[in-house]
Amino acid sequence: MPIRRELRWFYPLDWPQISQWVRFARARGRCERCKRPHGHKVVCLPDGRWFDAEARVWRTGRGRAVRPPQARERAHLKSTAVVLAAAHRDHDPGHCRPRNLLALCQRCHLIHDRPYHLARRRLTYLRRRAVGDLFLGPYRSW
């Protein structure tokens, strides 16, 4: 996942090598939460269950083996490509010790960063409301 330009100076100069080591040497190319393999297309359900083609089993969003989905659930199957990213446990990009880093797929990374994204969304809404009040009068809520 590319680093935003304004956040680049928070990361160490050797970040690409650190990220590569975490994702492929330590995690062996699999998400450390759900075990999805990097670079593969996986079949998954909206609740996070996915089919592990190597082991030929269905797994939960946490990587545990489960029974196959029922016929009515199979209507919601979709295919997605898996890309691993190195994530910080404490959300501090300057803290790059191996214990603080995780190799996560897109789904697990979004779940891990959810509180941060919700806080950013709230700030965006408040900023829009303030600009509306300043320039357009009272903010209209639809």
Protein backbone atom coordinates (compact mmCIF):
# COMPACT_ATOMS: atom_id res chain seq x y z
CA MET A 1 0.00 0.00 0.00
CA PRO A 2 1.55 3.35 -0.97
CA ILE A 3 2.37 5.82 1.77
CA ARG A 4 0.72 9.21 1.54
CA ARG A 5 3.16 12.00 0.72
CA GLU A 6 2.48 13.97 3.92
CA LEU A 7 3.16 10.89 6.09
CA ARG A 8 6.31 9.72 4.30
CA TRP A 9 8.74 11.45 6.67
CA PHE A 10 7.33 9.48 9.64
CA TYR A 11 8.65 6.19 8.18
CA PRO A 12 12.31 5.10 8.36
CA LEU A 13 14.42 5.21 5.19
CA ASP A 14 14.63 1.41 5.05
CA TRP A 15 10.84 0.94 5.29
CA PRO A 16 10.57 -1.00 1.98
CA GLN A 17 13.08 -3.59 3.24
CA ILE A 18 11.40 -3.84 6.66
CA SER A 19 7.97 -4.26 5.05
CA GLN A 20 9.30 -6.90 2.64
CA TRP A 21 10.85 -8.87 5.51
CA VAL A 22 7.65 -8.77 7.62
CA ARG A 23 5.35 -9.80 4.75
CA PHE A 24 7.42 -12.49 3.08
CA ALA A 25 10.16 -13.74 5.42
CA ARG A 26 8.34 -13.74 8.74
CA ALA A 27 4.72 -14.23 7.58
CA ARG A 28 5.71 -16.41 4.59
CA GLY A 29 3.37 -14.54 2.24
CA ARG A 30 0.20 -15.06 4.30
CA CYS A 31 -1.91 -12.70 6.38
CA GLU A 32 -1.03 -13.12 10.05
CA ARG A 33 -4.69 -12.88 11.10
CA CYS A 34 -6.73 -14.83 8.54
CA LYS A 35 -3.97 -16.74 6.68
CA ARG A 36 -4.99 -15.53 3.18
CA PRO A 37 -2.11 -15.98 0.67
CA HIS A 38 -0.56 -12.93 -0.98
CA GLY A 39 -1.05 -12.61 -4.72
CA HIS A 40 -3.83 -15.20 -4.99
CA LYS A 41 -7.49 -14.77 -5.81
CA VAL A 42 -9.67 -16.23 -3.08
CA VAL A 43 -13.38 -16.97 -3.03
CA CYS A 44 -15.03 -15.37 -0.01
CA LEU A 45 -18.37 -14.61 1.61
CA PRO A 46 -19.51 -11.25 3.05
CA ASP A 47 -19.06 -12.51 6.64
CA GLY A 48 -15.31 -13.07 6.09
CA ARG A 49 -15.27 -16.81 5.41
CA TRP A 50 -13.04 -17.80 2.51
CA PHE A 51 -11.89 -20.92 0.68
CA ASP A 52 -8.25 -21.95 1.19
CA ALA A 53 -7.40 -23.73 -2.08
CA GLU A 54 -4.06 -25.07 -0.77
CA ALA A 55 -5.58 -26.86 2.22
CA ARG A 56 -8.94 -27.34 0.43
CA VAL A 57 -10.94 -26.07 3.45
CA TRP A 58 -13.15 -23.10 4.25
CA ARG A 59 -11.73 -20.71 6.86
CA THR A 60 -13.20 -18.01 9.09
CA GLY A 61 -12.03 -14.41 9.05
CA ARG A 62 -9.56 -15.45 11.78
CA GLY A 63 -8.09 -18.39 9.82
CA ARG A 64 -9.82 -21.30 11.58
CA ALA A 65 -11.21 -24.19 9.52
CA VAL A 66 -15.03 -24.32 9.33
CA ARG A 67 -17.67 -26.31 7.48
CA PRO A 68 -18.46 -25.32 3.86
CA PRO A 69 -21.22 -22.74 3.29
CA GLN A 70 -24.75 -23.90 2.66
CA ALA A 71 -26.34 -23.67 -0.80
CA ARG A 72 -28.21 -20.42 -0.08
CA GLU A 73 -24.98 -18.79 1.17
CA ARG A 74 -23.14 -19.70 -2.04
CA ALA A 75 -25.23 -17.12 -3.92
CA HIS A 76 -23.16 -14.41 -2.19
CA LEU A 77 -19.72 -15.74 -3.20
CA LYS A 78 -17.26 -13.27 -4.67
CA SER A 79 -13.64 -13.45 -5.73
CA THR A 80 -11.01 -11.04 -4.48
CA ALA A 81 -7.27 -10.64 -4.99
CA VAL A 82 -5.18 -10.65 -1.81
CA VAL A 83 -2.45 -8.07 -1.26
CA LEU A 84 -0.43 -8.04 1.96
CA ALA A 85 0.64 -4.85 3.70
CA ALA A 86 2.77 -4.26 6.77
CA ALA A 87 0.63 -2.70 9.51
CA HIS A 88 1.68 -1.11 12.80
CA ARG A 89 -0.04 -2.54 15.90
CA ASP A 90 0.10 0.81 17.71
CA HIS A 91 -0.56 2.92 14.56
CA ASP A 92 2.78 4.74 15.00
CA PRO A 93 4.75 4.63 11.72
CA GLY A 94 7.98 5.53 13.51
CA HIS A 95 7.81 2.44 15.75
CA CYS A 96 9.11 -0.25 13.36
CA ARG A 97 10.26 -2.99 15.69
CA PRO A 98 9.31 -6.48 14.49
CA ARG A 99 6.93 -7.06 17.43
CA ASN A 100 4.98 -3.93 16.44
CA LEU A 101 4.49 -4.95 12.79
CA LEU A 102 1.92 -7.32 11.28
CA ALA A 103 1.51 -8.65 7.75
CA LEU A 104 -2.19 -8.11 7.01
CA CYS A 105 -4.42 -8.53 3.96
CA GLN A 106 -6.70 -5.64 2.91
CA ARG A 107 -9.68 -6.89 4.92
CA CYS A 108 -7.74 -7.43 8.14
CA HIS A 109 -5.88 -4.13 7.71
CA LEU A 110 -9.16 -2.22 7.37
CA ILE A 111 -10.57 -3.96 10.45
CA HIS A 112 -7.37 -3.17 12.38
CA ASP A 113 -7.50 0.53 11.37
CA ARG A 114 -11.27 0.92 11.81
CA PRO A 115 -11.14 3.17 14.93
CA TYR A 116 -8.67 5.48 13.14
CA HIS A 117 -10.86 5.66 10.03
CA LEU A 118 -13.97 6.40 12.09
CA ALA A 119 -12.18 9.23 13.90
CA ARG A 120 -10.98 10.68 10.56
CA ARG A 121 -14.51 10.46 9.17
CA ARG A 122 -15.87 12.35 12.17
CA LEU A 123 -13.26 15.09 11.74
CA THR A 124 -14.12 15.36 8.04
CA TYR A 125 -17.81 15.78 8.83
CA LEU A 126 -17.07 18.39 11.49
CA ARG A 127 -14.76 20.28 9.11
CA ARG A 128 -17.41 20.30 6.38
CA ARG A 129 -19.98 21.53 8.85
CA ALA A 130 -17.70 24.33 10.06
CA VAL A 131 -16.92 25.49 6.53
CA GLY A 132 -20.61 25.41 5.67
CA ASP A 133 -21.48 27.48 8.74
CA LEU A 134 -18.71 29.96 7.97
CA PHE A 135 -19.46 30.54 4.31
CA LEU A 136 -22.95 29.26 3.56
CA GLY A 137 -24.85 29.89 6.78
CA PRO A 138 -26.26 27.11 8.97
CA TYR A 139 -25.33 23.64 7.79
CA ARG A 140 -28.26 21.71 6.37
CA SER A 141 -28.59 18.12 7.48
CA TRP A 142 -30.47 16.06 4.95
